[in-house]
């Protein structure tokens, strides 16, 4: 298992559109993917789970990945967490 903490920089936070993009990408990987924020842990392959974390701008979130292709998943999904969406 690998884990890394990222800071949400999108001014509107991690709202519906970035969540959908993140979950769509996460479901392509065969590994387990979780997001942790404020002692809440959510399945990274669930839109409802990710939205339930309430990731606002400047929130720090830890991405935990375990399984096949975990390093590639961390690279791609971490980039999605730190992107500014128009």
N, C-alpha and C. Protein backbone atom coordinates (compact mmCIF):
# COMPACT_ATOMS: atom_id res chain seq x y z
N UNK A 1 0.84 -1.19 0.00
CA UNK A 1 0.00 0.00 0.00
C UNK A 1 0.88 1.24 0.00
N UNK A 2 0.45 2.24 -0.75
CA UNK A 2 1.12 3.53 -0.75
C UNK A 2 0.10 4.61 -0.41
N UNK A 3 0.58 5.69 0.17
CA UNK A 3 -0.30 6.80 0.54
C UNK A 3 0.45 8.11 0.35
N UNK A 4 -0.28 9.13 -0.03
CA UNK A 4 0.29 10.45 -0.20
C UNK A 4 -0.80 11.49 0.07
N UNK A 5 -0.41 12.61 0.67
CA UNK A 5 -1.37 13.67 0.97
C UNK A 5 -1.25 14.77 -0.08
N UNK A 6 -2.42 15.22 -0.54
CA UNK A 6 -2.51 16.27 -1.56
C UNK A 6 -3.36 17.42 -1.03
N UNK A 7 -3.15 18.59 -1.61
CA UNK A 7 -3.94 19.77 -1.24
C UNK A 7 -4.84 20.14 -2.41
N UNK A 8 -6.13 20.28 -2.14
CA UNK A 8 -7.10 20.67 -3.16
C UNK A 8 -6.88 22.16 -3.46
N UNK A 9 -6.58 22.51 -4.72
CA UNK A 9 -6.34 23.91 -5.05
C UNK A 9 -7.45 24.51 -5.92
N UNK A 10 -8.38 23.69 -6.37
CA UNK A 10 -9.48 24.20 -7.19
C UNK A 10 -10.30 25.18 -6.34
N UNK A 11 -10.53 26.42 -6.80
CA UNK A 11 -11.25 27.40 -6.00
C UNK A 11 -12.64 26.96 -5.52
N UNK A 12 -13.31 26.13 -6.30
CA UNK A 12 -14.64 25.63 -5.92
C UNK A 12 -14.57 24.32 -5.14
N UNK A 13 -13.37 23.88 -4.83
CA UNK A 13 -13.21 22.61 -4.13
C UNK A 13 -13.37 21.45 -5.09
N UNK A 14 -13.54 20.27 -4.53
CA UNK A 14 -13.68 19.06 -5.34
C UNK A 14 -15.17 18.77 -5.47
N UNK A 15 -15.82 19.48 -6.40
CA UNK A 15 -17.26 19.40 -6.58
C UNK A 15 -17.62 18.26 -7.55
N UNK A 16 -18.84 18.28 -8.09
CA UNK A 16 -19.36 17.15 -8.88
C UNK A 16 -18.51 16.83 -10.11
N UNK A 17 -18.13 17.81 -10.89
CA UNK A 17 -17.39 17.53 -12.12
C UNK A 17 -16.03 16.90 -11.85
N UNK A 18 -15.18 17.49 -10.99
CA UNK A 18 -13.91 16.82 -10.73
C UNK A 18 -14.08 15.46 -10.07
N UNK A 19 -15.11 15.32 -9.25
CA UNK A 19 -15.37 14.02 -8.62
C UNK A 19 -15.66 12.96 -9.68
N UNK A 20 -16.50 13.30 -10.66
CA UNK A 20 -16.82 12.34 -11.72
C UNK A 20 -15.57 11.96 -12.51
N UNK A 21 -14.74 12.95 -12.84
CA UNK A 21 -13.50 12.68 -13.58
C UNK A 21 -12.59 11.76 -12.76
N UNK A 22 -12.46 12.05 -11.46
CA UNK A 22 -11.61 11.24 -10.57
C UNK A 22 -12.13 9.80 -10.49
N UNK A 23 -13.41 9.64 -10.22
CA UNK A 23 -14.00 8.30 -10.06
C UNK A 23 -13.93 7.51 -11.36
N UNK A 24 -14.20 8.16 -12.49
CA UNK A 24 -14.10 7.47 -13.78
C UNK A 24 -12.69 6.92 -14.00
N UNK A 25 -11.67 7.71 -13.64
CA UNK A 25 -10.28 7.27 -13.80
C UNK A 25 -9.95 6.19 -12.77
N UNK A 26 -10.40 6.36 -11.54
CA UNK A 26 -10.11 5.39 -10.47
C UNK A 26 -10.66 4.01 -10.80
N UNK A 27 -11.83 3.95 -11.41
CA UNK A 27 -12.45 2.65 -11.71
C UNK A 27 -11.68 1.88 -12.78
N UNK A 28 -10.78 2.53 -13.48
CA UNK A 28 -9.98 1.84 -14.50
C UNK A 28 -8.86 1.01 -13.89
N UNK A 29 -8.56 1.24 -12.62
CA UNK A 29 -7.47 0.54 -11.96
C UNK A 29 -7.99 -0.65 -11.13
N UNK A 30 -7.25 -1.77 -11.15
CA UNK A 30 -7.70 -2.96 -10.41
C UNK A 30 -7.40 -2.89 -8.90
N UNK A 31 -6.78 -1.82 -8.44
CA UNK A 31 -6.40 -1.72 -7.03
C UNK A 31 -7.50 -1.06 -6.19
N UNK A 32 -7.33 -1.14 -4.86
CA UNK A 32 -8.24 -0.48 -3.93
C UNK A 32 -7.78 0.96 -3.77
N UNK A 33 -8.74 1.88 -3.83
CA UNK A 33 -8.43 3.31 -3.77
C UNK A 33 -9.33 3.97 -2.73
N UNK A 34 -8.71 4.66 -1.78
CA UNK A 34 -9.46 5.36 -0.73
C UNK A 34 -8.94 6.77 -0.57
N UNK A 35 -9.84 7.67 -0.18
CA UNK A 35 -9.49 9.05 0.16
C UNK A 35 -9.80 9.24 1.63
N UNK A 36 -8.91 9.93 2.35
CA UNK A 36 -9.10 10.17 3.78
C UNK A 36 -8.99 11.68 4.03
N UNK A 37 -10.02 12.21 4.72
CA UNK A 37 -10.05 13.64 5.05
C UNK A 37 -10.81 13.82 6.36
N UNK A 38 -10.21 14.54 7.29
CA UNK A 38 -10.85 14.79 8.60
C UNK A 38 -11.36 13.51 9.25
N UNK A 39 -10.52 12.50 9.28
CA UNK A 39 -10.85 11.21 9.91
C UNK A 39 -12.01 10.47 9.25
N UNK A 40 -12.38 10.88 8.04
CA UNK A 40 -13.39 10.15 7.27
C UNK A 40 -12.68 9.49 6.10
N UNK A 41 -13.05 8.25 5.82
CA UNK A 41 -12.43 7.47 4.75
C UNK A 41 -13.51 7.09 3.75
N UNK A 42 -13.24 7.34 2.46
CA UNK A 42 -14.23 7.07 1.42
C UNK A 42 -13.61 6.27 0.29
N UNK A 43 -14.41 5.42 -0.31
CA UNK A 43 -13.99 4.65 -1.48
C UNK A 43 -13.78 5.61 -2.64
N UNK A 44 -12.59 5.62 -3.21
CA UNK A 44 -12.27 6.50 -4.33
C UNK A 44 -12.94 6.12 -5.63
N UNK A 45 -13.64 4.99 -5.65
CA UNK A 45 -14.36 4.56 -6.85
C UNK A 45 -15.85 4.83 -6.72
N UNK A 46 -16.23 5.60 -5.71
CA UNK A 46 -17.63 5.92 -5.45
C UNK A 46 -17.82 7.44 -5.45
N UNK A 47 -18.62 7.95 -6.39
CA UNK A 47 -18.89 9.39 -6.44
C UNK A 47 -19.51 9.87 -5.14
N UNK A 48 -20.47 9.13 -4.63
CA UNK A 48 -21.13 9.52 -3.38
C UNK A 48 -20.13 9.54 -2.23
N UNK A 49 -19.25 8.56 -2.19
CA UNK A 49 -18.24 8.51 -1.15
C UNK A 49 -17.30 9.70 -1.20
N UNK A 50 -16.80 10.00 -2.39
CA UNK A 50 -15.87 11.13 -2.55
C UNK A 50 -16.58 12.44 -2.20
N UNK A 51 -17.80 12.63 -2.68
CA UNK A 51 -18.55 13.86 -2.40
C UNK A 51 -18.83 14.01 -0.90
N UNK A 52 -19.00 12.89 -0.20
CA UNK A 52 -19.32 12.94 1.23
C UNK A 52 -18.18 13.52 2.07
N UNK A 53 -16.98 13.57 1.49
CA UNK A 53 -15.83 14.12 2.22
C UNK A 53 -15.86 15.64 2.28
N UNK A 54 -16.60 16.29 1.38
CA UNK A 54 -16.70 17.75 1.39
C UNK A 54 -15.36 18.43 1.19
N UNK A 55 -14.65 18.08 0.15
CA UNK A 55 -13.30 18.60 -0.09
C UNK A 55 -13.34 20.01 -0.66
N UNK A 56 -13.16 21.00 0.20
CA UNK A 56 -13.16 22.41 -0.19
C UNK A 56 -11.76 22.82 -0.62
N UNK A 57 -11.65 24.01 -1.19
CA UNK A 57 -10.35 24.55 -1.56
C UNK A 57 -9.45 24.60 -0.33
N UNK A 58 -8.20 24.22 -0.52
CA UNK A 58 -7.17 24.16 0.52
C UNK A 58 -7.30 22.96 1.47
N UNK A 59 -8.26 22.08 1.24
CA UNK A 59 -8.40 20.87 2.06
C UNK A 59 -7.24 19.93 1.74
N UNK A 60 -6.75 19.26 2.77
CA UNK A 60 -5.73 18.24 2.57
C UNK A 60 -6.40 16.88 2.61
N UNK A 61 -6.11 16.07 1.63
CA UNK A 61 -6.72 14.76 1.52
C UNK A 61 -5.61 13.73 1.25
N UNK A 62 -5.70 12.60 1.93
CA UNK A 62 -4.72 11.53 1.74
C UNK A 62 -5.31 10.50 0.80
N UNK A 63 -4.55 10.17 -0.23
CA UNK A 63 -4.92 9.16 -1.20
C UNK A 63 -4.18 7.88 -0.84
N UNK A 64 -4.94 6.81 -0.56
CA UNK A 64 -4.38 5.50 -0.22
C UNK A 64 -4.70 4.53 -1.36
N UNK A 65 -3.69 3.86 -1.85
CA UNK A 65 -3.87 2.92 -2.96
C UNK A 65 -3.14 1.63 -2.64
N UNK A 66 -3.83 0.51 -2.88
CA UNK A 66 -3.26 -0.79 -2.57
C UNK A 66 -3.59 -1.77 -3.69
N UNK A 67 -2.56 -2.36 -4.30
CA UNK A 67 -2.79 -3.39 -5.31
C UNK A 67 -2.03 -3.14 -6.59
N UNK A 68 -2.44 -3.87 -7.62
CA UNK A 68 -1.81 -3.78 -8.94
C UNK A 68 -1.88 -2.36 -9.48
N UNK A 69 -0.82 -1.90 -10.07
CA UNK A 69 -0.70 -0.60 -10.72
C UNK A 69 -0.85 0.57 -9.75
N UNK A 70 -0.54 0.35 -8.47
CA UNK A 70 -0.76 1.40 -7.47
C UNK A 70 0.09 2.64 -7.74
N UNK A 71 1.30 2.48 -8.20
CA UNK A 71 2.16 3.65 -8.46
C UNK A 71 1.61 4.51 -9.61
N UNK A 72 1.21 3.85 -10.68
CA UNK A 72 0.64 4.58 -11.82
C UNK A 72 -0.67 5.25 -11.40
N UNK A 73 -1.48 4.57 -10.63
CA UNK A 73 -2.74 5.14 -10.16
C UNK A 73 -2.47 6.36 -9.29
N UNK A 74 -1.48 6.29 -8.40
CA UNK A 74 -1.14 7.42 -7.54
C UNK A 74 -0.74 8.62 -8.37
N UNK A 75 0.07 8.40 -9.37
CA UNK A 75 0.53 9.50 -10.22
C UNK A 75 -0.65 10.18 -10.93
N UNK A 76 -1.50 9.40 -11.56
CA UNK A 76 -2.60 9.97 -12.33
C UNK A 76 -3.70 10.56 -11.44
N UNK A 77 -4.06 9.86 -10.39
CA UNK A 77 -5.13 10.34 -9.52
C UNK A 77 -4.68 11.53 -8.67
N UNK A 78 -3.42 11.52 -8.25
CA UNK A 78 -2.90 12.66 -7.50
C UNK A 78 -2.93 13.93 -8.33
N UNK A 79 -2.62 13.79 -9.61
CA UNK A 79 -2.67 14.95 -10.51
C UNK A 79 -4.10 15.48 -10.62
N UNK A 80 -5.08 14.59 -10.62
CA UNK A 80 -6.48 15.03 -10.71
C UNK A 80 -6.91 15.77 -9.44
N UNK A 81 -6.38 15.37 -8.30
CA UNK A 81 -6.74 16.05 -7.04
C UNK A 81 -6.18 17.46 -6.98
N UNK A 82 -5.07 17.71 -7.66
CA UNK A 82 -4.41 19.02 -7.56
C UNK A 82 -4.58 19.86 -8.82
N UNK A 83 -5.58 19.58 -9.59
CA UNK A 83 -5.85 20.33 -10.83
C UNK A 83 -6.87 21.43 -10.55
N UNK A 84 -6.77 22.53 -11.31
CA UNK A 84 -7.81 23.56 -11.28
C UNK A 84 -8.75 23.28 -12.44
N UNK A 85 -10.03 23.11 -12.14
CA UNK A 85 -11.04 22.81 -13.15
C UNK A 85 -11.77 24.08 -13.54
N UNK A 86 -11.97 24.26 -14.84
CA UNK A 86 -12.69 25.45 -15.33
C UNK A 86 -14.19 25.29 -15.16
